[in-house]
């Protein structure tokens, strides 16, 4: 139940909410697409890079007198 003159404000907010929902939907689609790209399409490559990168071997010269 709206008071006199509030119908226009309600319609204006409804339009804003539709815009907000559209923006949120597009953002979720973008995040889902990025997740699929990283996990499924490049998952093996990134796993290989990660496994090679977790240990760094450094040769340290022994002190000699």
PDB file of N, CA and C in Angstrom:
ATOM      1  N   UNK A   1       0.851  -1.177   0.000  1.00  0.00           N
ATOM      2  CA  UNK A   1       0.000   0.000   0.000  1.00  0.00           C
ATOM      3  C   UNK A   1       0.891   1.232   0.000  1.00  0.00           C
ATOM      4  N   UNK A   2       0.734   2.056  -0.979  1.00  0.00           N
ATOM      5  CA  UNK A   2       1.557   3.248  -1.122  1.00  0.00           C
ATOM      6  C   UNK A   2       0.723   4.485  -0.813  1.00  0.00           C
ATOM      7  N   UNK A   3       1.406   5.469  -0.281  1.00  0.00           N
ATOM      8  CA  UNK A   3       0.750   6.744  -0.020  1.00  0.00           C
ATOM      9  C   UNK A   3       0.656   7.532  -1.318  1.00  0.00           C
ATOM     10  N   UNK A   4      -0.086   8.616  -1.281  1.00  0.00           N
ATOM     11  CA  UNK A   4      -0.267   9.428  -2.478  1.00  0.00           C
ATOM     12  C   UNK A   4       1.075   9.969  -2.960  1.00  0.00           C
ATOM     13  N   UNK A   5       1.365   9.804  -4.233  1.00  0.00           N
ATOM     14  CA  UNK A   5       2.596  10.334  -4.814  1.00  0.00           C
ATOM     15  C   UNK A   5       3.783   9.395  -4.727  1.00  0.00           C
ATOM     16  N   UNK A   6       3.635   8.273  -4.064  1.00  0.00           N
ATOM     17  CA  UNK A   6       4.773   7.372  -3.908  1.00  0.00           C
ATOM     18  C   UNK A   6       4.852   6.325  -5.030  1.00  0.00           C
ATOM     19  N   UNK A   7       3.831   6.212  -5.844  1.00  0.00           N
ATOM     20  CA  UNK A   7       3.865   5.220  -6.910  1.00  0.00           C
ATOM     21  C   UNK A   7       5.020   5.481  -7.870  1.00  0.00           C
ATOM     22  N   UNK A   8       5.271   6.752  -8.159  1.00  0.00           N
ATOM     23  CA  UNK A   8       6.366   7.102  -9.067  1.00  0.00           C
ATOM     24  C   UNK A   8       7.721   6.757  -8.447  1.00  0.00           C
ATOM     25  N   UNK A   9       7.879   7.016  -7.165  1.00  0.00           N
ATOM     26  CA  UNK A   9       9.127   6.671  -6.480  1.00  0.00           C
ATOM     27  C   UNK A   9       9.324   5.157  -6.449  1.00  0.00           C
ATOM     28  N   UNK A  10       8.265   4.435  -6.228  1.00  0.00           N
ATOM     29  CA  UNK A  10       8.352   2.973  -6.198  1.00  0.00           C
ATOM     30  C   UNK A  10       8.773   2.456  -7.567  1.00  0.00           C
ATOM     31  N   UNK A  11       8.202   2.987  -8.640  1.00  0.00           N
ATOM     32  CA  UNK A  11       8.587   2.569  -9.988  1.00  0.00           C
ATOM     33  C   UNK A  11      10.046   2.907 -10.273  1.00  0.00           C
ATOM     34  N   UNK A  12      10.477   4.090  -9.789  1.00  0.00           N
ATOM     35  CA  UNK A  12      11.870   4.491  -9.993  1.00  0.00           C
ATOM     36  C   UNK A  12      12.814   3.522  -9.272  1.00  0.00           C
ATOM     37  N   UNK A  13      12.496   3.130  -8.067  1.00  0.00           N
ATOM     38  CA  UNK A  13      13.335   2.172  -7.338  1.00  0.00           C
ATOM     39  C   UNK A  13      13.288   0.791  -7.971  1.00  0.00           C
ATOM     40  N   UNK A  14      12.137   0.407  -8.501  1.00  0.00           N
ATOM     41  CA  UNK A  14      12.040  -0.887  -9.169  1.00  0.00           C
ATOM     42  C   UNK A  14      12.948  -0.925 -10.391  1.00  0.00           C
ATOM     43  N   UNK A  15      13.007   0.174 -11.137  1.00  0.00           N
ATOM     44  CA  UNK A  15      13.912   0.242 -12.282  1.00  0.00           C
ATOM     45  C   UNK A  15      15.367   0.165 -11.840  1.00  0.00           C
ATOM     46  N   UNK A  16      15.694   0.814 -10.721  1.00  0.00           N
ATOM     47  CA  UNK A  16      17.061   0.755 -10.204  1.00  0.00           C
ATOM     48  C   UNK A  16      17.415  -0.659  -9.756  1.00  0.00           C
ATOM     49  N   UNK A  17      16.478  -1.334  -9.139  1.00  0.00           N
ATOM     50  CA  UNK A  17      16.738  -2.705  -8.703  1.00  0.00           C
ATOM     51  C   UNK A  17      16.915  -3.634  -9.902  1.00  0.00           C
ATOM     52  N   UNK A  18      16.158  -3.416 -10.962  1.00  0.00           N
ATOM     53  CA  UNK A  18      16.344  -4.222 -12.170  1.00  0.00           C
ATOM     54  C   UNK A  18      17.745  -4.017 -12.721  1.00  0.00           C
ATOM     55  N   UNK A  19      18.211  -2.767 -12.738  1.00  0.00           N
ATOM     56  CA  UNK A  19      19.561  -2.474 -13.199  1.00  0.00           C
ATOM     57  C   UNK A  19      20.597  -3.125 -12.294  1.00  0.00           C
ATOM     58  N   UNK A  20      20.389  -3.049 -10.980  1.00  0.00           N
ATOM     59  CA  UNK A  20      21.311  -3.655 -10.022  1.00  0.00           C
ATOM     60  C   UNK A  20      21.359  -5.173 -10.201  1.00  0.00           C
ATOM     61  N   UNK A  21      20.224  -5.792 -10.372  1.00  0.00           N
ATOM     62  CA  UNK A  21      20.184  -7.241 -10.585  1.00  0.00           C
ATOM     63  C   UNK A  21      20.903  -7.622 -11.882  1.00  0.00           C
ATOM     64  N   UNK A  22      20.745  -6.818 -12.916  1.00  0.00           N
ATOM     65  CA  UNK A  22      21.427  -7.098 -14.184  1.00  0.00           C
ATOM     66  C   UNK A  22      22.938  -6.991 -14.017  1.00  0.00           C
ATOM     67  N   UNK A  23      23.408  -5.976 -13.304  1.00  0.00           N
ATOM     68  CA  UNK A  23      24.843  -5.811 -13.063  1.00  0.00           C
ATOM     69  C   UNK A  23      25.379  -6.974 -12.238  1.00  0.00           C
ATOM     70  N   UNK A  24      24.661  -7.362 -11.198  1.00  0.00           N
ATOM     71  CA  UNK A  24      25.098  -8.487 -10.374  1.00  0.00           C
ATOM     72  C   UNK A  24      25.110  -9.787 -11.170  1.00  0.00           C
ATOM     73  N   UNK A  25      24.132  -9.981 -12.032  1.00  0.00           N
ATOM     74  CA  UNK A  25      24.077 -11.181 -12.856  1.00  0.00           C
ATOM     75  C   UNK A  25      25.273 -11.239 -13.813  1.00  0.00           C
ATOM     76  N   UNK A  26      25.584 -10.115 -14.432  1.00  0.00           N
ATOM     77  CA  UNK A  26      26.734 -10.058 -15.351  1.00  0.00           C
ATOM     78  C   UNK A  26      28.030 -10.309 -14.587  1.00  0.00           C
ATOM     79  N   UNK A  27      28.160  -9.752 -13.382  1.00  0.00           N
ATOM     80  CA  UNK A  27      29.367  -9.967 -12.581  1.00  0.00           C
ATOM     81  C   UNK A  27      29.508 -11.443 -12.192  1.00  0.00           C
ATOM     82  N   UNK A  28      28.412 -12.086 -11.840  1.00  0.00           N
ATOM     83  CA  UNK A  28      28.478 -13.501 -11.481  1.00  0.00           C
ATOM     84  C   UNK A  28      28.838 -14.360 -12.689  1.00  0.00           C
ATOM     85  N   UNK A  29      28.304 -14.034 -13.853  1.00  0.00           N
ATOM     86  CA  UNK A  29      28.648 -14.758 -15.077  1.00  0.00           C
ATOM     87  C   UNK A  29      30.135 -14.590 -15.379  1.00  0.00           C
ATOM     88  N   UNK A  30      30.654 -13.365 -15.217  1.00  0.00           N
ATOM     89  CA  UNK A  30      32.071 -13.114 -15.443  1.00  0.00           C
ATOM     90  C   UNK A  30      32.933 -13.942 -14.483  1.00  0.00           C
ATOM     91  N   UNK A  31      32.577 -13.957 -13.203  1.00  0.00           N
ATOM     92  CA  UNK A  31      33.345 -14.734 -12.222  1.00  0.00           C
ATOM     93  C   UNK A  31      33.269 -16.231 -12.507  1.00  0.00           C
ATOM     94  N   UNK A  32      32.113 -16.707 -12.892  1.00  0.00           N
ATOM     95  CA  UNK A  32      31.966 -18.124 -13.225  1.00  0.00           C
ATOM     96  C   UNK A  32      32.801 -18.484 -14.450  1.00  0.00           C
ATOM     97  N   UNK A  33      32.806 -17.623 -15.456  1.00  0.00           N
ATOM     98  CA  UNK A  33      33.607 -17.870 -16.657  1.00  0.00           C
ATOM     99  C   UNK A  33      35.091 -17.887 -16.315  1.00  0.00           C
ATOM    100  N   UNK A  34      35.524 -16.984 -15.449  1.00  0.00           N
ATOM    101  CA  UNK A  34      36.939 -16.944 -15.044  1.00  0.00           C
ATOM    102  C   UNK A  34      37.311 -18.188 -14.252  1.00  0.00           C
ATOM    103  N   UNK A  35      36.416 -18.640 -13.397  1.00  0.00           N
ATOM    104  CA  UNK A  35      36.656 -19.859 -12.627  1.00  0.00           C
ATOM    105  C   UNK A  35      36.794 -21.064 -13.550  1.00  0.00           C
ATOM    106  N   UNK A  36      35.925 -21.192 -14.530  1.00  0.00           N
ATOM    107  CA  UNK A  36      36.000 -22.294 -15.491  1.00  0.00           C
ATOM    108  C   UNK A  36      37.309 -22.208 -16.268  1.00  0.00           C
ATOM    109  N   UNK A  37      37.681 -21.004 -16.673  1.00  0.00           N
ATOM    110  CA  UNK A  37      38.914 -20.834 -17.435  1.00  0.00           C
ATOM    111  C   UNK A  37      40.134 -21.279 -16.631  1.00  0.00           C
ATOM    112  N   UNK A  38      40.224 -20.842 -15.368  1.00  0.00           N
ATOM    113  CA  UNK A  38      41.390 -21.177 -14.559  1.00  0.00           C
ATOM    114  C   UNK A  38      41.386 -22.625 -14.094  1.00  0.00           C
ATOM    115  N   UNK A  39      40.260 -23.149 -13.684  1.00  0.00           N
ATOM    116  CA  UNK A  39      40.198 -24.488 -13.110  1.00  0.00           C
ATOM    117  C   UNK A  39      40.196 -25.585 -14.164  1.00  0.00           C
ATOM    118  N   UNK A  40      39.433 -25.415 -15.205  1.00  0.00           N
ATOM    119  CA  UNK A  40      39.241 -26.499 -16.172  1.00  0.00           C
ATOM    120  C   UNK A  40      40.188 -26.355 -17.358  1.00  0.00           C
ATOM    121  N   UNK A  41      40.235 -25.183 -17.949  1.00  0.00           N
ATOM    122  CA  UNK A  41      41.018 -25.027 -19.169  1.00  0.00           C
ATOM    123  C   UNK A  41      42.518 -24.931 -18.897  1.00  0.00           C
ATOM    124  N   UNK A  42      42.910 -24.261 -17.828  1.00  0.00           N
ATOM    125  CA  UNK A  42      44.329 -24.094 -17.543  1.00  0.00           C
ATOM    126  C   UNK A  42      44.768 -24.811 -16.272  1.00  0.00           C
ATOM    127  N   UNK A  43      43.940 -25.668 -15.727  1.00  0.00           N
ATOM    128  CA  UNK A  43      44.245 -26.317 -14.462  1.00  0.00           C
ATOM    129  C   UNK A  43      45.505 -27.147 -14.484  1.00  0.00           C
ATOM    130  N   UNK A  44      45.701 -27.956 -15.519  1.00  0.00           N
ATOM    131  CA  UNK A  44      46.894 -28.799 -15.589  1.00  0.00           C
ATOM    132  C   UNK A  44      48.166 -27.963 -15.714  1.00  0.00           C
ATOM    133  N   UNK A  45      48.122 -26.953 -16.544  1.00  0.00           N
ATOM    134  CA  UNK A  45      49.291 -26.085 -16.723  1.00  0.00           C
ATOM    135  C   UNK A  45      49.647 -25.382 -15.413  1.00  0.00           C
ATOM    136  N   UNK A  46      48.666 -24.824 -14.740  1.00  0.00           N
ATOM    137  CA  UNK A  46      48.927 -24.100 -13.501  1.00  0.00           C
ATOM    138  C   UNK A  46      49.364 -25.038 -12.381  1.00  0.00           C
ATOM    139  N   UNK A  47      48.848 -26.266 -12.357  1.00  0.00           N
ATOM    140  CA  UNK A  47      49.277 -27.243 -11.363  1.00  0.00           C
ATOM    141  C   UNK A  47      50.748 -27.594 -11.581  1.00  0.00           C
ATOM    142  N   UNK A  48      51.141 -27.774 -12.831  1.00  0.00           N
ATOM    143  CA  UNK A  48      52.533 -28.096 -13.148  1.00  0.00           C
ATOM    144  C   UNK A  48      53.464 -26.953 -12.713  1.00  0.00           C
ATOM    145  N   UNK A  49      53.082 -25.732 -13.004  1.00  0.00           N
ATOM    146  CA  UNK A  49      53.881 -24.572 -12.598  1.00  0.00           C
ATOM    147  C   UNK A  49      53.973 -24.502 -11.079  1.00  0.00           C
ATOM    148  N   UNK A  50      52.889 -24.783 -10.400  1.00  0.00           N
ATOM    149  CA  UNK A  50      52.867 -24.734  -8.940  1.00  0.00           C
ATOM    150  C   UNK A  50      53.768 -25.802  -8.333  1.00  0.00           C
ATOM    151  N   UNK A  51      53.726 -27.002  -8.876  1.00  0.00           N
ATOM    152  CA  UNK A  51      54.553 -28.075  -8.338  1.00  0.00           C
ATOM    153  C   UNK A  51      56.036 -27.800  -8.544  1.00  0.00           C
ATOM    154  N   UNK A  52      56.405 -27.172  -9.647  1.00  0.00           N
ATOM    155  CA  UNK A  52      57.800 -26.829  -9.875  1.00  0.00           C
ATOM    156  C   UNK A  52      58.249 -25.660  -9.002  1.00  0.00           C
ATOM    157  N   UNK A  53      57.337 -24.853  -8.590  1.00  0.00           N
ATOM    158  CA  UNK A  53      57.666 -23.606  -7.908  1.00  0.00           C
ATOM    159  C   UNK A  53      57.651 -23.724  -6.386  1.00  0.00           C
ATOM    160  N   UNK A  54      57.174 -24.807  -5.820  1.00  0.00           N
ATOM    161  CA  UNK A  54      57.021 -24.846  -4.372  1.00  0.00           C
ATOM    162  C   UNK A  54      58.323 -25.113  -3.636  1.00  0.00           C
ATOM    163  N   UNK A  55      59.336 -25.633  -4.311  1.00  0.00           N
ATOM    164  CA  UNK A  55      60.649 -25.828  -3.695  1.00  0.00           C
ATOM    165  C   UNK A  55      61.679 -25.127  -4.563  1.00  0.00           C
ATOM    166  N   UNK A  56      62.446 -24.287  -3.929  1.00  0.00           N
ATOM    167  CA  UNK A  56      63.493 -23.584  -4.655  1.00  0.00           C
ATOM    168  C   UNK A  56      64.829 -24.117  -4.170  1.00  0.00           C
ATOM    169  N   UNK A  57      65.588 -24.689  -5.067  1.00  0.00           N
ATOM    170  CA  UNK A  57      66.887 -25.252  -4.713  1.00  0.00           C
ATOM    171  C   UNK A  57      67.967 -24.188  -4.931  1.00  0.00           C
ATOM    172  N   UNK A  58      68.730 -23.986  -3.890  1.00  0.00           N
ATOM    173  CA  UNK A  58      69.811 -22.999  -3.950  1.00  0.00           C
ATOM    174  C   UNK A  58      71.089 -23.698  -3.531  1.00  0.00           C
ATOM    175  N   UNK A  59      72.107 -23.636  -4.354  1.00  0.00           N
ATOM    176  CA  UNK A  59      73.401 -24.205  -3.999  1.00  0.00           C
ATOM    177  C   UNK A  59      74.147 -23.214  -3.128  1.00  0.00           C
ATOM    178  N   UNK A  60      74.574 -23.695  -1.995  1.00  0.00           N
ATOM    179  CA  UNK A  60      75.342 -22.874  -1.057  1.00  0.00           C
ATOM    180  C   UNK A  60      76.757 -23.454  -1.005  1.00  0.00           C
ATOM    181  N   UNK A  61      77.707 -22.628  -1.287  1.00  0.00           N
ATOM    182  CA  UNK A  61      79.083 -23.087  -1.246  1.00  0.00           C
ATOM    183  C   UNK A  61      79.491 -23.341   0.199  1.00  0.00           C
ATOM    184  N   UNK A  62      80.198 -24.442   0.402  1.00  0.00           N
ATOM    185  CA  UNK A  62      80.625 -24.776   1.762  1.00  0.00           C
ATOM    186  C   UNK A  62      81.831 -23.918   2.135  1.00  0.00           C
ATOM    187  N   UNK A  63      81.856 -23.500   3.380  1.00  0.00           N
ATOM    188  CA  UNK A  63      83.005 -22.668   3.793  1.00  0.00           C
ATOM    189  C   UNK A  63      84.277 -23.529   3.898  1.00  0.00           C
ATOM    190  N   UNK A  64      85.328 -23.105   3.268  1.00  0.00           N
ATOM    191  CA  UNK A  64      86.598 -23.819   3.302  1.00  0.00           C
ATOM    192  C   UNK A  64      87.691 -22.860   3.764  1.00  0.00           C
ATOM    193  N   UNK A  65      88.573 -23.424   4.546  1.00  0.00           N
ATOM    194  CA  UNK A  65      89.658 -22.590   5.070  1.00  0.00           C
ATOM    195  C   UNK A  65      90.941 -22.812   4.358  1.00  0.00           C
TER     196      UNK A  65
END
